[in-house]
Each structure stands twice: as C-alpha cells, then as structure tokens.
Amino acid sequence: MQKVVNSKFLQFLPFVFLLGPLFLEIYFFLLFLLNIKNLSLKLIEINYFKIILILFFTSILFSSIFSDHEISFFKGLSYLRFLIYLFVLELVIKLNEKNLKKFCRSALIVIAVLISFNLFQVITGYNLDDERTTLPIRLEPISGSFITYFSAYILSYILWNYSSKKMNVYTSVVSILIILTGCLISGERISSLVLLSMIAFFTFLKAKKIFFFILISIVIIPSFLSQYDYSRVIYIEKRIFSFKKDIRNFENTIWGHHFYAAKESWEEKKIIGNGVRSFRIECKKFEEIKKNACSTHPHNIYLELLSELGLIGLSLFILLLINVIYKSLLYIFYNFNTKSLNLYFLIGLTLYLVINYFPIKSFGSFFNNFNSFGFWTLLYFISTISKNIKKLNNRN
C-alpha cells in the first residue's frame, strides 16, 4: 500500500486538486500516515532555501501567538502542516522524468474537464455555479485559476515534446490555443493575462515559430468569439475592458479600499503583524472611512502578508521567492540550449512563479487551502528540479 501511494501520489494529485481542499487534506494525510515510520529529519538536506523556509513558518507561528485574535492562533498553528507537507514530499516522492510525465498527463485530463465545463456554459447559457453540489468540489467558479496553474506544467510538457520533435508545430499551437481559449471563456481576466504572458514569454524563448502562430491567432480568436451573442462572451468583454476604468480610479475601487484597510491594519503592528486570517476582523475598523474596506483578505498576497505577518513575515516570503527564482535562473542560463524535460519544466514553472506572484497582481488569500497547496507544490517542483539539474551537471 505504501509503495503504491508513494509512486502514484504525483500522478493522482491533479485530480485531487480538482475535487477540492478537503480531498487534498485527506490525500496528504494518507501519504504522511503511510510513511511516518520512515520519516527522519536527519535525511533532510539543509540549505539556504530550507533555512528561510523554516524562518518564514516560524514568523507565521510567532505572529499568530501574539495576535489579539483567537482565530489567528489556531489558523497559524494549523498552517504548519504545509511545512510538514514539503518535507514529506522531499523524503518520499521521486520527482524524476517518468513521474513528471505522469503528472502532466493527469493535469491534461483535469484541464480538459475544466474547459469542457466552460464550453458547456458558453454554448448552453446554463450556469453550473448555481447548481453546485454540497460536496467540497470546486469545478467552476475559479476554473481560470485552475487552468492557468496546471497550464504551467502542461505548457512545459508541450514545448518539450515540440523541441524533441514528438509534436509538430501545428499540434503544439492548437493544443496551446485550446487551453488559452478555455481560460478566456472562464471570464477570469487576471488568470487569462497570466496564461497569455506565460505563453508569450515561453514560446518566444524556446519556440519562436509557435510564438509567431500564437501571435496571429490572438488577433483572430477574439474576432471569432465576438460573432456569438452569448451572455458569457459579453461578460468576458466587460471584465477585460473594465481594467482601464479600475486603474484610472483605483483609489475609489473595491481594490483601493482593501489596499487602504491593509495598510492601516499593518500600521498597528508593523513588525510581526496581526496574525493569520486577521484582516477580515481588522478591516471592520475602517469601514466608516472606506465602505468596501472589508473582505476575507485584501486580494493581494503582499498586502495580506504585510498586514497579517508584518515586515518580518513579508521580508522572509520575498527572500524565499528570490532564493528560488535566482537559483532557477542560474540553472536555466547555464543549461539553456539543452533539451531535457527538467529544463523545460524549470523554465515554465519559474515563469509562472514570477508572473503569477508579481507584486501588483490581484490574488486570492495566501492562506487559502487551494492556494497554499498550489504554491508549496510549485516550490517543491522548482527546487527539486533545480536540484536534479545540478546533480546532472555535476555528473557530467
């Protein structure tokens, strides 16, 4: 049972992501439970990444212990499970090329399911959101975010296949365009922009012929979609073109109000913050000044961490990102002309990390279960693949 779960963990992980946070928790707990006898801290390699990682989780615990809000203590304490999650992944999961391919094939099926649901809604006008089951299944409301997240892995796999001449240019372009269109029709403008940016940079770097075809298609696809008088298409257009209005009038938008509440909340405890999940409580103090100040989070990771973990927590988070990105760019630079699957994954996932976690980008709560599992799994992939490339270079 233990060996089966370990070998199949990555293969089934995308499906578990689709089912929702409860299933992710159960899936990880099963992995932990089956391997608990073989886990040893002595086997963990200590490096700068691990030191910063441990310090970051310590800052979460520290800010939550000294928080004025009871919820922060329990949420902060429970969040430590993601540190265990990372160490368990490192100790029991082999992230070799075989497992990378299995993960991608599963992710491709997940994306196909999500795109099918989006197309169903566009064609029929039937909104699946209103008929969701009572199970913690998250099939639609943030499908664009799901598609973009898994596209980072899929895009790497597609372009590696293209470079290895296992896929021709037309198959590659069509595959990428289907994924992009599936994300666009979800109506999520931020996710669509992230995916589009990722495709543009990646193809320009490693597949200029595909980049050229994608560029032409980006002009054609919106014209094609505009021929259909579906409410979903109109909704997409409104969402995309409202960007300009929001930017011009940022201070008076809901995002501007969240920004104000996060800044004022941080002013109260600048060093250690107010504790995990405290923004939803702290923001109520500023509703009289900014009527839309309150939300469960300020819709920006950096503002959320500044408000809830203070300067220490935010600084450690930024250091963590810098450490991972710097190492990745170093290995990409020195191995750029190779055609290994590891390199293509490192480029794709690093691009996603840089673009998706760009400081001014709107984002869901960092402490949300789906976002947390997604972020820490991404960091595990990047750091482990970097290590794989380093070992290969040393061997050669």
Protein backbone atom coordinates (compact mmCIF):
# COMPACT_ATOMS: atom_id res chain seq x y z
CA MET A 1 0.00 0.00 0.00
CA GLN A 2 2.78 2.43 0.99
CA LYS A 3 4.80 1.92 -2.19
CA VAL A 4 1.68 2.22 -4.36
CA VAL A 5 0.62 5.52 -2.77
CA ASN A 6 4.16 6.95 -2.99
CA SER A 7 4.59 6.01 -6.64
CA LYS A 8 1.12 7.19 -7.65
CA PHE A 9 0.96 10.33 -5.47
CA LEU A 10 2.00 12.82 -8.17
CA GLN A 11 0.01 11.02 -10.86
CA PHE A 12 -3.29 11.47 -9.00
CA LEU A 13 -2.52 14.85 -7.41
CA PRO A 14 -4.13 16.96 -10.22
CA PHE A 15 -7.41 15.02 -9.84
CA VAL A 16 -7.38 15.62 -6.08
CA PHE A 17 -6.81 19.34 -6.69
CA LEU A 18 -9.96 19.34 -8.83
CA LEU A 19 -12.02 17.69 -6.08
CA GLY A 20 -11.20 20.38 -3.56
CA PRO A 21 -9.36 21.21 -0.32
CA LEU A 22 -10.91 18.51 1.86
CA PHE A 23 -9.72 15.78 -0.50
CA LEU A 24 -6.26 17.39 -0.67
CA GLU A 25 -6.03 17.28 3.13
CA ILE A 26 -7.09 13.61 3.22
CA TYR A 27 -4.73 12.71 0.36
CA PHE A 28 -1.74 14.32 2.08
CA PHE A 29 -2.66 12.84 5.48
CA LEU A 30 -2.75 9.38 3.89
CA LEU A 31 0.74 9.94 2.42
CA PHE A 32 2.03 11.14 5.77
CA LEU A 33 0.42 8.29 7.72
CA LEU A 34 1.80 5.56 5.45
CA ASN A 35 5.34 6.95 5.63
CA ILE A 36 5.50 8.13 9.25
CA LYS A 37 7.82 5.29 10.32
CA ASN A 38 10.36 6.10 7.62
CA LEU A 39 10.42 9.89 8.09
CA SER A 40 13.56 11.31 9.66
CA LEU A 41 14.71 14.93 9.90
CA LYS A 42 18.29 13.66 9.51
CA LEU A 43 17.54 12.83 5.88
CA ILE A 44 16.60 16.43 5.04
CA GLU A 45 19.33 18.38 3.30
CA ILE A 46 19.81 21.77 4.96
CA ASN A 47 20.43 24.73 2.64
CA TYR A 48 19.56 28.44 2.42
CA PHE A 49 16.14 27.65 0.98
CA LYS A 50 15.28 25.40 3.94
CA ILE A 51 16.56 27.93 6.48
CA ILE A 52 14.46 30.76 5.00
CA LEU A 53 11.50 28.36 4.73
CA ILE A 54 11.68 27.40 8.41
CA LEU A 55 12.08 31.04 9.43
CA PHE A 56 9.03 32.00 7.36
CA PHE A 57 6.86 29.36 9.03
CA THR A 58 8.26 30.46 12.40
CA SER A 59 7.12 34.03 11.63
CA ILE A 60 3.61 32.68 10.91
CA LEU A 61 3.54 30.92 14.27
CA PHE A 62 5.09 33.88 16.12
CA SER A 63 2.65 36.47 14.71
CA SER A 64 -0.29 34.19 15.47
CA ILE A 65 0.79 33.54 19.07
CA PHE A 66 0.98 37.28 19.78
CA SER A 67 -2.17 38.11 17.85
CA ASP A 68 -5.17 39.75 19.53
CA HIS A 69 -7.47 37.37 17.65
CA GLU A 70 -8.13 33.81 18.78
CA ILE A 71 -8.71 32.60 15.21
CA SER A 72 -5.14 33.58 14.28
CA PHE A 73 -3.57 31.27 16.85
CA PHE A 74 -5.41 28.17 15.61
CA LYS A 75 -5.04 29.07 11.92
CA GLY A 76 -1.35 29.84 12.34
CA LEU A 77 -0.71 26.62 14.22
CA SER A 78 -2.61 24.52 11.67
CA TYR A 79 -0.73 26.16 8.78
CA LEU A 80 2.47 24.44 9.94
CA ARG A 81 1.14 21.30 8.22
CA PHE A 82 2.37 22.77 4.91
CA LEU A 83 5.94 22.72 6.19
CA ILE A 84 5.45 19.03 7.01
CA TYR A 85 3.87 18.58 3.56
CA LEU A 86 7.02 19.93 1.88
CA PHE A 87 9.39 17.76 3.92
CA VAL A 88 7.27 14.64 3.32
CA LEU A 89 7.29 15.31 -0.44
CA GLU A 90 11.07 15.67 -0.41
CA LEU A 91 11.63 12.49 1.58
CA VAL A 92 9.22 10.05 -0.07
CA ILE A 93 8.41 11.30 -3.61
CA LYS A 94 10.79 10.81 -6.53
CA LEU A 95 10.45 13.70 -8.97
CA ASN A 96 12.09 12.04 -11.96
CA GLU A 97 11.17 12.48 -15.64
CA LYS A 98 8.85 9.48 -15.55
CA ASN A 99 6.79 10.98 -12.71
CA LEU A 100 6.83 14.41 -14.36
CA LYS A 101 5.25 12.91 -17.48
CA LYS A 102 2.61 11.07 -15.43
CA PHE A 103 1.75 14.27 -13.57
CA CYS A 104 1.37 16.16 -16.86
CA ARG A 105 -0.92 13.57 -18.40
CA SER A 106 -3.20 13.76 -15.37
CA ALA A 107 -3.08 17.58 -15.42
CA LEU A 108 -4.07 17.49 -19.09
CA ILE A 109 -7.20 15.49 -18.24
CA VAL A 110 -8.06 17.97 -15.47
CA ILE A 111 -7.70 20.91 -17.88
CA ALA A 112 -9.84 19.09 -20.46
CA VAL A 113 -12.60 18.63 -17.84
CA LEU A 114 -12.49 22.31 -16.83
CA ILE A 115 -12.52 23.55 -20.43
CA SER A 116 -15.45 21.23 -21.20
CA PHE A 117 -17.44 22.75 -18.31
CA ASN A 118 -16.63 26.27 -19.51
CA LEU A 119 -17.66 25.44 -23.09
CA PHE A 120 -20.86 23.82 -21.85
CA GLN A 121 -21.80 27.05 -20.07
CA VAL A 122 -20.96 29.24 -23.07
CA ILE A 123 -22.94 27.09 -25.51
CA THR A 124 -25.99 26.37 -23.33
CA GLY A 125 -26.04 29.51 -21.19
CA TYR A 126 -26.55 27.20 -18.18
CA ASN A 127 -24.60 28.39 -15.15
CA LEU A 128 -23.13 25.47 -13.22
CA ASP A 129 -22.33 27.74 -10.27
CA ASP A 130 -25.98 27.87 -9.24
CA GLU A 131 -26.29 24.11 -9.13
CA ARG A 132 -23.17 23.14 -7.21
CA THR A 133 -23.28 20.02 -5.09
CA THR A 134 -22.88 20.06 -1.32
CA LEU A 135 -19.56 18.24 -1.68
CA PRO A 136 -16.43 20.43 -1.43
CA ILE A 137 -15.92 20.17 -5.21
CA ARG A 138 -14.65 23.28 -6.97
CA LEU A 139 -15.40 22.66 -10.62
CA GLU A 140 -16.14 26.12 -11.92
CA PRO A 141 -16.08 29.45 -10.06
CA ILE A 142 -12.29 29.78 -10.34
CA SER A 143 -11.74 27.46 -13.30
CA GLY A 144 -9.49 30.05 -14.96
CA SER A 145 -7.11 29.90 -11.99
CA PHE A 146 -7.10 26.09 -12.13
CA ILE A 147 -6.42 26.09 -15.87
CA THR A 148 -3.61 28.64 -15.56
CA TYR A 149 -1.97 26.77 -12.67
CA PHE A 150 -1.89 23.41 -14.44
CA SER A 151 -1.02 25.06 -17.76
CA ALA A 152 2.38 25.95 -16.31
CA TYR A 153 3.12 22.22 -16.20
CA ILE A 154 1.33 21.35 -19.46
CA LEU A 155 2.97 24.14 -21.46
CA SER A 156 6.39 22.90 -20.34
CA TYR A 157 5.46 19.39 -21.47
CA ILE A 158 4.07 20.54 -24.85
CA LEU A 159 7.13 22.66 -25.71
CA TRP A 160 9.49 19.89 -24.63
CA ASN A 161 7.65 17.47 -26.93
CA TYR A 162 7.88 20.04 -29.73
CA SER A 163 11.63 20.57 -29.20
CA SER A 164 12.12 16.78 -29.13
CA LYS A 165 10.18 16.53 -32.43
CA LYS A 166 7.49 14.38 -30.79
CA MET A 167 4.88 17.02 -31.69
CA ASN A 168 4.79 19.17 -34.81
CA VAL A 169 4.23 22.93 -34.79
CA TYR A 170 0.53 22.71 -35.73
CA THR A 171 -0.38 20.19 -33.00
CA SER A 172 1.53 22.28 -30.47
CA VAL A 173 -0.16 25.54 -31.49
CA VAL A 174 -3.66 24.00 -31.49
CA SER A 175 -3.07 22.45 -28.03
CA ILE A 176 -1.90 25.77 -26.59
CA LEU A 177 -4.76 27.72 -28.19
CA ILE A 178 -7.38 25.31 -26.83
CA ILE A 179 -6.01 25.83 -23.31
CA LEU A 180 -5.86 29.62 -23.77
CA THR A 181 -9.41 29.77 -25.16
CA GLY A 182 -10.67 27.60 -22.29
CA CYS A 183 -9.19 30.07 -19.83
CA LEU A 184 -10.52 33.13 -21.69
CA ILE A 185 -14.11 31.88 -21.68
CA SER A 186 -13.93 31.36 -17.91
CA GLY A 187 -14.19 35.15 -17.68
CA GLU A 188 -11.20 35.42 -15.33
CA ARG A 189 -9.21 38.33 -16.73
CA ILE A 190 -6.23 38.05 -14.35
CA SER A 191 -5.79 34.31 -14.97
CA SER A 192 -6.10 34.88 -18.73
CA LEU A 193 -3.43 37.59 -18.64
CA VAL A 194 -1.10 35.39 -16.58
CA LEU A 195 -1.54 32.49 -19.01
CA LEU A 196 -1.13 34.71 -22.06
CA SER A 197 2.05 36.27 -20.65
CA MET A 198 3.44 32.85 -19.78
CA ILE A 199 2.75 31.51 -23.29
CA ALA A 200 4.26 34.60 -24.94
CA PHE A 201 7.50 34.54 -22.92
CA PHE A 202 7.97 30.77 -23.04
CA THR A 203 7.34 30.37 -26.78
CA PHE A 204 9.49 33.43 -27.58
CA LEU A 205 12.37 31.91 -25.59
CA LYS A 206 12.15 28.30 -26.78
CA ALA A 207 9.81 28.04 -29.80
CA LYS A 208 9.74 31.18 -31.97
CA LYS A 209 7.73 29.50 -34.75
CA ILE A 210 4.95 28.68 -32.25
CA PHE A 211 5.21 32.24 -30.89
CA PHE A 212 4.55 33.61 -34.38
CA PHE A 213 1.46 31.40 -34.89
CA ILE A 214 0.11 32.24 -31.42
CA LEU A 215 0.54 35.96 -32.12
CA ILE A 216 -1.59 35.73 -35.27
CA SER A 217 -4.19 33.56 -33.53
CA ILE A 218 -4.58 36.00 -30.64
CA VAL A 219 -5.87 38.54 -33.15
CA ILE A 220 -8.20 36.03 -34.82
CA ILE A 221 -9.75 34.29 -31.76
CA PRO A 222 -11.44 37.39 -30.19
CA SER A 223 -12.93 38.26 -33.60
CA PHE A 224 -14.28 34.72 -33.89
CA LEU A 225 -15.78 34.75 -30.38
CA SER A 226 -17.44 38.12 -30.95
CA GLN A 227 -19.62 36.57 -33.67
CA TYR A 228 -21.61 34.73 -31.00
CA ASP A 229 -24.19 36.62 -28.98
CA TYR A 230 -23.75 34.70 -25.76
CA SER A 231 -24.10 36.43 -22.42
CA ARG A 232 -20.88 34.76 -21.31
CA VAL A 233 -18.92 36.37 -24.14
CA ILE A 234 -20.41 39.78 -23.31
CA TYR A 235 -19.47 39.17 -19.67
CA ILE A 236 -15.87 38.38 -20.71
CA GLU A 237 -15.64 41.59 -22.72
CA LYS A 238 -16.95 43.66 -19.81
CA ARG A 239 -14.46 42.06 -17.44
CA ILE A 240 -11.50 42.65 -19.75
CA PHE A 241 -12.29 46.25 -20.72
CA SER A 242 -13.18 47.33 -17.17
CA PHE A 243 -9.44 47.13 -16.38
CA LYS A 244 -8.83 50.64 -17.74
CA LYS A 245 -11.58 52.15 -15.62
CA ASP A 246 -10.35 50.38 -12.44
CA ILE A 247 -6.76 51.55 -12.94
CA ARG A 248 -7.76 55.18 -13.53
CA ASN A 249 -9.99 55.26 -10.47
CA PHE A 250 -8.05 52.80 -8.28
CA GLU A 251 -8.39 54.71 -5.01
CA ASN A 252 -12.18 54.54 -5.15
CA THR A 253 -12.44 50.93 -6.34
CA ILE A 254 -13.04 47.98 -4.04
CA TRP A 255 -9.34 47.07 -4.52
CA GLY A 256 -8.30 50.57 -3.44
CA HIS A 257 -10.43 50.23 -0.32
CA HIS A 258 -8.81 46.86 0.50
CA PHE A 259 -5.38 48.42 -0.02
CA TYR A 260 -6.24 51.20 2.43
CA ALA A 261 -7.54 48.74 5.06
CA ALA A 262 -4.44 46.51 4.75
CA LYS A 263 -2.07 49.49 5.08
CA GLU A 264 -3.92 50.88 8.11
CA SER A 265 -4.09 47.43 9.69
CA TRP A 266 -0.33 47.00 9.22
CA GLU A 267 0.33 50.37 10.89
CA GLU A 268 -0.97 48.89 14.17
CA LYS A 269 1.61 46.06 14.30
CA LYS A 270 4.36 46.79 11.82
CA ILE A 271 6.93 44.18 12.83
CA ILE A 272 5.00 40.96 13.49
CA GLY A 273 1.57 41.74 12.01
CA ASN A 274 -1.87 40.98 13.38
CA GLY A 275 -1.83 37.20 12.83
CA VAL A 276 -3.09 34.77 10.18
CA ARG A 277 -6.64 35.47 8.92
CA SER A 278 -6.82 38.67 10.99
CA PHE A 279 -7.53 41.02 8.05
CA ARG A 280 -11.22 40.05 7.98
CA ILE A 281 -11.52 41.30 11.57
CA GLU A 282 -9.16 44.28 11.44
CA CYS A 283 -10.72 45.73 8.28
CA LYS A 284 -14.02 46.38 10.10
CA LYS A 285 -12.35 49.30 11.89
CA PHE A 286 -12.06 51.18 8.59
CA GLU A 287 -15.50 50.60 7.05
CA GLU A 288 -16.70 54.05 8.07
CA ILE A 289 -13.87 55.64 6.06
CA LYS A 290 -13.93 53.19 3.12
CA LYS A 291 -17.27 51.40 2.77
CA ASN A 292 -15.76 48.45 0.83
CA ALA A 293 -12.71 48.11 3.09
CA CYS A 294 -13.73 44.72 4.41
CA SER A 295 -13.22 41.32 2.87
CA THR A 296 -11.78 37.98 3.95
CA HIS A 297 -8.42 39.14 2.53
CA PRO A 298 -7.06 42.23 0.70
CA HIS A 299 -6.82 40.41 -2.68
CA ASN A 300 -3.05 40.84 -2.86
CA ILE A 301 -0.60 38.39 -1.31
CA TYR A 302 1.99 41.02 -0.35
CA LEU A 303 -0.58 43.26 1.33
CA GLU A 304 -2.06 40.25 3.10
CA LEU A 305 1.33 39.11 4.42
CA LEU A 306 2.28 42.66 5.42
CA SER A 307 -0.98 43.10 7.34
CA GLU A 308 -1.02 39.66 8.95
CA LEU A 309 2.69 38.74 9.33
CA GLY A 310 4.27 42.21 9.42
CA LEU A 311 7.61 43.27 7.97
CA ILE A 312 9.35 40.10 9.21
CA GLY A 313 6.94 37.67 7.54
CA LEU A 314 6.75 39.62 4.27
CA SER A 315 10.54 40.03 4.09
CA LEU A 316 11.09 36.29 4.62
CA PHE A 317 8.49 35.47 1.94
CA ILE A 318 10.25 37.78 -0.55
CA LEU A 319 13.63 36.25 0.37
CA LEU A 320 12.16 32.80 -0.25
CA LEU A 321 10.98 33.82 -3.73
CA ILE A 322 14.30 35.50 -4.55
CA ASN A 323 16.24 32.39 -3.47
CA VAL A 324 14.11 30.05 -5.61
CA ILE A 325 14.00 32.35 -8.67
CA TYR A 326 17.73 33.17 -8.54
CA LYS A 327 18.74 29.50 -8.44
CA SER A 328 16.28 28.64 -11.21
CA LEU A 329 17.53 31.42 -13.49
CA LEU A 330 21.11 30.33 -12.85
CA TYR A 331 20.40 26.72 -13.92
CA ILE A 332 18.28 27.90 -16.88
CA PHE A 333 21.09 30.21 -18.08
CA TYR A 334 23.80 27.55 -17.94
CA ASN A 335 21.64 24.81 -19.47
CA PHE A 336 19.52 26.89 -21.87
CA ASN A 337 20.50 25.01 -25.03
CA THR A 338 19.82 21.55 -23.66
CA LYS A 339 16.55 19.79 -24.47
CA SER A 340 15.91 17.97 -21.20
CA LEU A 341 12.42 17.74 -19.73
CA ASN A 342 13.79 19.09 -16.44
CA LEU A 343 14.95 22.30 -18.12
CA TYR A 344 11.61 22.92 -19.84
CA PHE A 345 9.76 22.37 -16.59
CA LEU A 346 12.12 24.72 -14.77
CA ILE A 347 11.53 27.47 -17.36
CA GLY A 348 7.74 27.02 -17.38
CA LEU A 349 7.29 26.85 -13.62
CA THR A 350 9.69 29.72 -12.92
CA LEU A 351 7.83 31.88 -15.45
CA TYR A 352 4.55 31.06 -13.71
CA LEU A 353 6.05 31.86 -10.30
CA VAL A 354 7.38 35.25 -11.46
CA ILE A 355 4.23 36.29 -13.37
CA ASN A 356 1.56 34.90 -11.04
CA TYR A 357 3.20 36.23 -7.87
CA PHE A 358 4.02 39.64 -9.33
CA PRO A 359 3.61 42.22 -6.52
CA ILE A 360 0.77 44.30 -8.04
CA LYS A 361 -1.30 41.30 -9.16
CA SER A 362 -4.71 40.61 -7.61
CA PHE A 363 -4.80 37.25 -5.86
CA GLY A 364 -6.85 35.06 -3.56
CA SER A 365 -5.84 34.58 0.06
CA PHE A 366 -2.35 33.13 0.51
CA PHE A 367 -3.66 31.08 3.44
CA ASN A 368 -6.50 29.58 1.38
CA ASN A 369 -6.04 25.79 1.25
CA PHE A 370 -6.07 25.52 -2.55
CA ASN A 371 -3.64 28.44 -3.00
CA SER A 372 -1.36 27.07 -0.27
CA PHE A 373 -1.25 23.54 -1.70
CA GLY A 374 -0.67 25.03 -5.16
CA PHE A 375 2.10 27.38 -4.04
CA TRP A 376 4.05 24.89 -1.92
CA THR A 377 3.70 22.14 -4.55
CA LEU A 378 5.04 24.59 -7.15
CA LEU A 379 8.02 25.47 -4.93
CA TYR A 380 8.67 21.77 -4.33
CA PHE A 381 8.73 21.14 -8.09
CA ILE A 382 11.04 24.09 -8.84
CA SER A 383 13.51 23.42 -6.02
CA THR A 384 13.65 19.66 -6.72
CA ILE A 385 14.04 20.09 -10.49
CA SER A 386 16.84 22.64 -9.86
CA LYS A 387 18.49 20.03 -7.67
CA ASN A 388 18.07 17.37 -10.39
CA ILE A 389 19.75 19.62 -12.97
CA LYS A 390 22.59 20.41 -10.54
CA LYS A 391 23.21 16.69 -9.93
CA LEU A 392 23.20 16.01 -13.67
CA ASN A 393 25.68 18.85 -14.29
CA ASN A 394 27.99 17.57 -11.53
CA ARG A 395 27.84 14.07 -13.00
CA ASN A 396 28.80 15.36 -16.44
